[in-house]
């Protein structure tokens, strides 16, 4: 067999092998419908929490202080997947959103939920630039968090798997805070009879406010502020 023909046959066989592997990966990925995964990434200081819902939505809450989040995402997401359905920034402190700057550069983000508060830092200015770019070029939907918002994450019904935004009680967009810990988005993820409470870096005073207002914070798993 001539060398050129042998090379062509080898390339075809190689492509068929690759497509076969991708097909099996897709089948394996779809073989566990109805499951919820919550991954608490070890990023050192700060938080980065990756959620994959029964609806196959991928949600990232905060991004930690550096590029570690990219390494962690690479282990959880298929190599061909470069889209994240929702990024939630609980509050714009460096140890929670520095890594998100890199995520926005690497992945297409379809929805962004944050408080919209203002900070006078270089990292904050870069965050603003990147989310506006994501909105203008990629069509990302940017939402300002406020208590009462509900995000559906179930194929069955919204009651089976959903995220409730519990705090802040009012929209904080455009306000300036020297320390943003107590502006953190607090959210509760419910999945069947299981629940997770994510509190950002909210402090004791905010926790007391929630209790005084009778907010349902009873949960199986608490991410401590």
Protein backbone atom coordinates (compact mmCIF):
# COMPACT_ATOMS: atom_id res chain seq x y z
CA UNK A 1 0.00 0.00 0.00
CA UNK A 2 1.47 3.40 -0.96
CA UNK A 3 2.57 5.57 1.96
CA UNK A 4 0.03 8.34 1.19
CA UNK A 5 -2.87 5.87 1.08
CA UNK A 6 -1.69 4.16 4.29
CA UNK A 7 -1.47 7.55 6.02
CA UNK A 8 -4.98 8.48 4.84
CA UNK A 9 -6.45 5.20 6.14
CA UNK A 10 -4.67 5.69 9.47
CA UNK A 11 -6.10 9.21 9.82
CA UNK A 12 -9.63 7.96 9.09
CA UNK A 13 -9.29 5.16 11.66
CA UNK A 14 -7.92 7.62 14.22
CA UNK A 15 -10.86 10.01 13.69
CA UNK A 16 -13.33 7.14 14.03
CA UNK A 17 -11.63 6.11 17.26
CA UNK A 18 -11.85 9.67 18.64
CA UNK A 19 -15.53 10.00 17.69
CA UNK A 20 -16.23 6.64 19.33
CA UNK A 21 -14.60 7.79 22.57
CA UNK A 22 -16.56 11.06 22.52
CA UNK A 23 -19.80 9.18 21.93
CA UNK A 24 -19.18 6.88 24.90
CA UNK A 25 -18.27 9.85 27.08
CA UNK A 26 -21.55 11.52 26.14
CA UNK A 27 -23.48 8.33 26.92
CA UNK A 28 -21.74 8.02 30.28
CA UNK A 29 -22.42 11.68 31.02
CA UNK A 30 -26.14 11.17 30.40
CA UNK A 31 -26.37 7.84 32.21
CA UNK A 32 -26.97 9.44 35.62
CA UNK A 33 -29.95 11.77 35.10
CA UNK A 34 -31.65 13.25 38.11
CA UNK A 35 -28.54 13.59 40.25
CA UNK A 36 -27.27 16.72 41.98
CA UNK A 37 -23.56 17.32 42.51
CA UNK A 38 -22.18 19.96 44.87
CA UNK A 39 -18.39 20.33 44.84
CA UNK A 40 -16.62 22.52 47.39
CA UNK A 41 -13.32 23.30 45.69
CA UNK A 42 -10.23 23.60 47.86
CA UNK A 43 -8.94 26.98 46.69
CA UNK A 44 -7.26 28.03 49.93
CA UNK A 45 -8.56 31.41 51.08
CA UNK A 46 -12.12 32.17 49.96
CA UNK A 47 -14.72 30.05 48.22
CA UNK A 48 -15.41 28.33 44.92
CA UNK A 49 -18.41 25.99 44.81
CA UNK A 50 -19.40 24.10 41.65
CA UNK A 51 -22.92 22.71 41.30
CA UNK A 52 -24.24 20.45 38.55
CA UNK A 53 -28.02 20.14 38.70
CA UNK A 54 -30.39 17.39 37.51
CA UNK A 55 -31.22 19.72 34.62
CA UNK A 56 -27.52 19.52 33.62
CA UNK A 57 -27.03 23.15 34.59
CA UNK A 58 -23.55 24.11 35.76
CA UNK A 59 -23.43 26.76 38.45
CA UNK A 60 -20.31 28.31 39.95
CA UNK A 61 -20.58 30.23 43.21
CA UNK A 62 -17.50 32.45 43.65
CA UNK A 63 -14.06 31.70 42.22
CA UNK A 64 -11.46 31.88 44.97
CA UNK A 65 -8.35 34.09 45.02
CA UNK A 66 -6.38 32.80 42.03
CA UNK A 67 -6.25 30.41 39.06
CA UNK A 68 -6.83 27.28 41.17
CA UNK A 69 -10.49 27.33 40.19
CA UNK A 70 -9.57 26.67 36.54
CA UNK A 71 -7.70 23.50 37.50
CA UNK A 72 -10.66 22.32 39.59
CA UNK A 73 -13.20 23.06 36.84
CA UNK A 74 -11.03 21.17 34.36
CA UNK A 75 -11.39 18.04 36.48
CA UNK A 76 -15.17 18.32 36.83
CA UNK A 77 -16.22 19.49 33.36
CA UNK A 78 -15.71 17.59 30.07
CA UNK A 79 -12.77 19.02 28.13
CA UNK A 80 -15.02 20.09 25.27
CA UNK A 81 -17.41 22.00 27.55
CA UNK A 82 -16.56 25.70 27.66
CA UNK A 83 -19.93 27.03 28.85
CA UNK A 84 -21.12 27.70 32.40
CA UNK A 85 -24.84 28.32 32.83
CA UNK A 86 -24.67 30.56 35.89
CA UNK A 87 -21.95 32.34 37.83
CA UNK A 88 -22.90 33.78 41.22
CA UNK A 89 -20.59 36.30 42.86
CA UNK A 90 -21.65 36.52 46.49
CA UNK A 91 -19.58 39.66 47.13
CA UNK A 92 -16.62 41.36 45.41
CA UNK A 93 -13.79 40.61 47.82
CA UNK A 94 -10.58 39.39 46.17
CA UNK A 95 -10.65 35.93 47.75
CA UNK A 96 -14.06 35.28 46.22
CA UNK A 97 -13.93 36.88 42.79
CA UNK A 98 -10.31 37.03 41.63
CA UNK A 99 -10.65 33.53 40.18
CA UNK A 100 -13.88 34.51 38.43
CA UNK A 101 -11.93 37.00 36.31
CA UNK A 102 -10.03 34.05 34.85
CA UNK A 103 -13.21 31.99 34.48
CA UNK A 104 -14.80 34.76 32.42
CA UNK A 105 -11.77 34.78 30.13
CA UNK A 106 -11.77 30.98 29.69
CA UNK A 107 -15.49 30.11 29.60
CA UNK A 108 -18.65 31.46 28.07
CA UNK A 109 -20.97 32.39 30.94
CA UNK A 110 -24.67 32.56 30.09
CA UNK A 111 -25.98 34.13 33.32
CA UNK A 112 -24.32 36.23 36.02
CA UNK A 113 -25.94 36.98 39.38
CA UNK A 114 -24.35 39.47 41.77
CA UNK A 115 -25.21 42.41 44.01
CA UNK A 116 -23.95 45.23 41.77
CA UNK A 117 -22.28 47.06 44.65
CA UNK A 118 -19.32 49.31 43.88
CA UNK A 119 -15.72 48.93 45.03
CA UNK A 120 -12.67 51.09 44.36
CA UNK A 121 -10.18 48.39 43.36
CA UNK A 122 -8.42 47.38 40.14
CA UNK A 123 -9.90 43.87 40.39
CA UNK A 124 -13.38 45.34 40.60
CA UNK A 125 -12.83 47.45 37.50
CA UNK A 126 -11.66 44.36 35.63
CA UNK A 127 -14.75 42.45 36.80
CA UNK A 128 -17.00 45.22 35.49
CA UNK A 129 -15.20 45.22 32.15
CA UNK A 130 -15.41 41.46 31.74
CA UNK A 131 -19.08 41.06 32.61
CA UNK A 132 -20.01 43.91 30.26
CA UNK A 133 -17.98 42.22 27.55
CA UNK A 134 -19.76 38.94 28.28
CA UNK A 135 -23.10 40.72 28.02
CA UNK A 136 -22.31 42.65 24.85
CA UNK A 137 -20.41 39.98 22.90
CA UNK A 138 -21.84 36.71 24.21
CA UNK A 139 -25.34 37.81 25.20
CA UNK A 140 -24.95 36.94 28.87
CA UNK A 141 -27.86 37.83 31.13
CA UNK A 142 -26.75 39.89 34.15
CA UNK A 143 -29.07 39.94 37.17
CA UNK A 144 -28.92 41.89 40.42
CA UNK A 145 -29.61 39.66 43.41
CA UNK A 146 -32.51 40.37 45.75
CA UNK A 147 -34.36 38.26 48.28
CA UNK A 148 -37.30 36.41 46.74
CA UNK A 149 -35.68 35.38 43.49
CA UNK A 150 -36.07 31.69 42.65
CA UNK A 151 -33.99 29.70 40.16
CA UNK A 152 -35.37 26.44 38.76
CA UNK A 153 -32.83 23.63 38.38
CA UNK A 154 -35.01 20.56 37.84
CA UNK A 155 -36.47 18.70 34.87
CA UNK A 156 -39.32 17.51 37.08
CA UNK A 157 -40.64 20.63 38.83
CA UNK A 158 -39.34 23.80 40.39
CA UNK A 159 -40.30 22.42 43.80
CA UNK A 160 -37.98 19.42 43.36
CA UNK A 161 -34.77 21.39 42.79
CA UNK A 162 -34.44 25.14 43.11
CA UNK A 163 -32.34 27.96 44.50
CA UNK A 164 -33.89 30.63 46.71
CA UNK A 165 -32.14 33.97 47.19
CA UNK A 166 -32.58 34.90 50.86
CA UNK A 167 -30.36 37.98 51.12
CA UNK A 168 -29.82 40.90 50.50
CA UNK A 169 -33.36 41.97 51.31
CA UNK A 170 -33.15 44.90 48.87
CA UNK A 171 -31.20 45.50 45.67
CA UNK A 172 -27.82 47.06 46.49
CA UNK A 173 -26.78 48.04 42.97
CA UNK A 174 -24.66 51.20 42.80
CA UNK A 175 -24.05 51.43 46.54
CA UNK A 176 -20.50 51.63 47.87
CA UNK A 177 -19.28 49.58 50.81
CA UNK A 178 -15.79 49.62 52.30
CA UNK A 179 -16.23 46.02 53.45
CA UNK A 180 -18.63 43.96 51.37
CA UNK A 181 -18.85 40.85 53.58
CA UNK A 182 -22.25 41.81 54.96
CA UNK A 183 -23.60 42.41 51.46
CA UNK A 184 -23.00 38.75 50.56
CA UNK A 185 -25.68 36.92 48.63
CA UNK A 186 -27.16 34.21 50.84
CA UNK A 187 -28.88 31.42 48.96
CA UNK A 188 -30.51 28.11 49.77
CA UNK A 189 -30.36 25.18 47.35
CA UNK A 190 -33.14 22.62 47.76
CA UNK A 191 -33.05 19.19 46.13
CA UNK A 192 -35.85 16.86 47.13
CA UNK A 193 -35.49 16.45 50.89
CA UNK A 194 -31.92 17.78 50.92
CA UNK A 195 -30.85 21.40 51.26
CA UNK A 196 -27.68 23.50 51.27
CA UNK A 197 -27.24 26.99 52.72
CA UNK A 198 -24.54 29.17 51.15
CA UNK A 199 -23.76 32.33 53.12
CA UNK A 200 -20.78 33.96 51.39
CA UNK A 201 -18.96 35.86 54.13
CA UNK A 202 -22.07 37.22 55.86
CA UNK A 203 -21.42 37.93 59.51
CA UNK A 204 -23.40 37.34 62.69
CA UNK A 205 -25.45 40.53 62.36
CA UNK A 206 -26.86 39.38 59.01
CA UNK A 207 -27.56 35.91 60.40
CA UNK A 208 -29.58 37.54 63.19
CA UNK A 209 -31.54 39.58 60.63
CA UNK A 210 -32.53 36.42 58.81
CA UNK A 211 -33.71 34.80 62.02
CA UNK A 212 -35.62 37.90 63.15
CA UNK A 213 -37.48 38.00 59.83
CA UNK A 214 -38.40 34.34 60.14
CA UNK A 215 -36.52 33.31 56.98
CA UNK A 216 -36.38 29.53 56.51
CA UNK A 217 -32.68 28.73 56.77
CA UNK A 218 -33.08 25.15 58.06
CA UNK A 219 -30.65 23.14 55.90
CA UNK A 220 -28.73 19.87 55.88
CA UNK A 221 -25.44 21.48 54.81
CA UNK A 222 -24.19 24.90 55.89
CA UNK A 223 -21.36 26.74 54.13
CA UNK A 224 -20.18 28.81 57.07
CA UNK A 225 -19.59 32.51 56.44
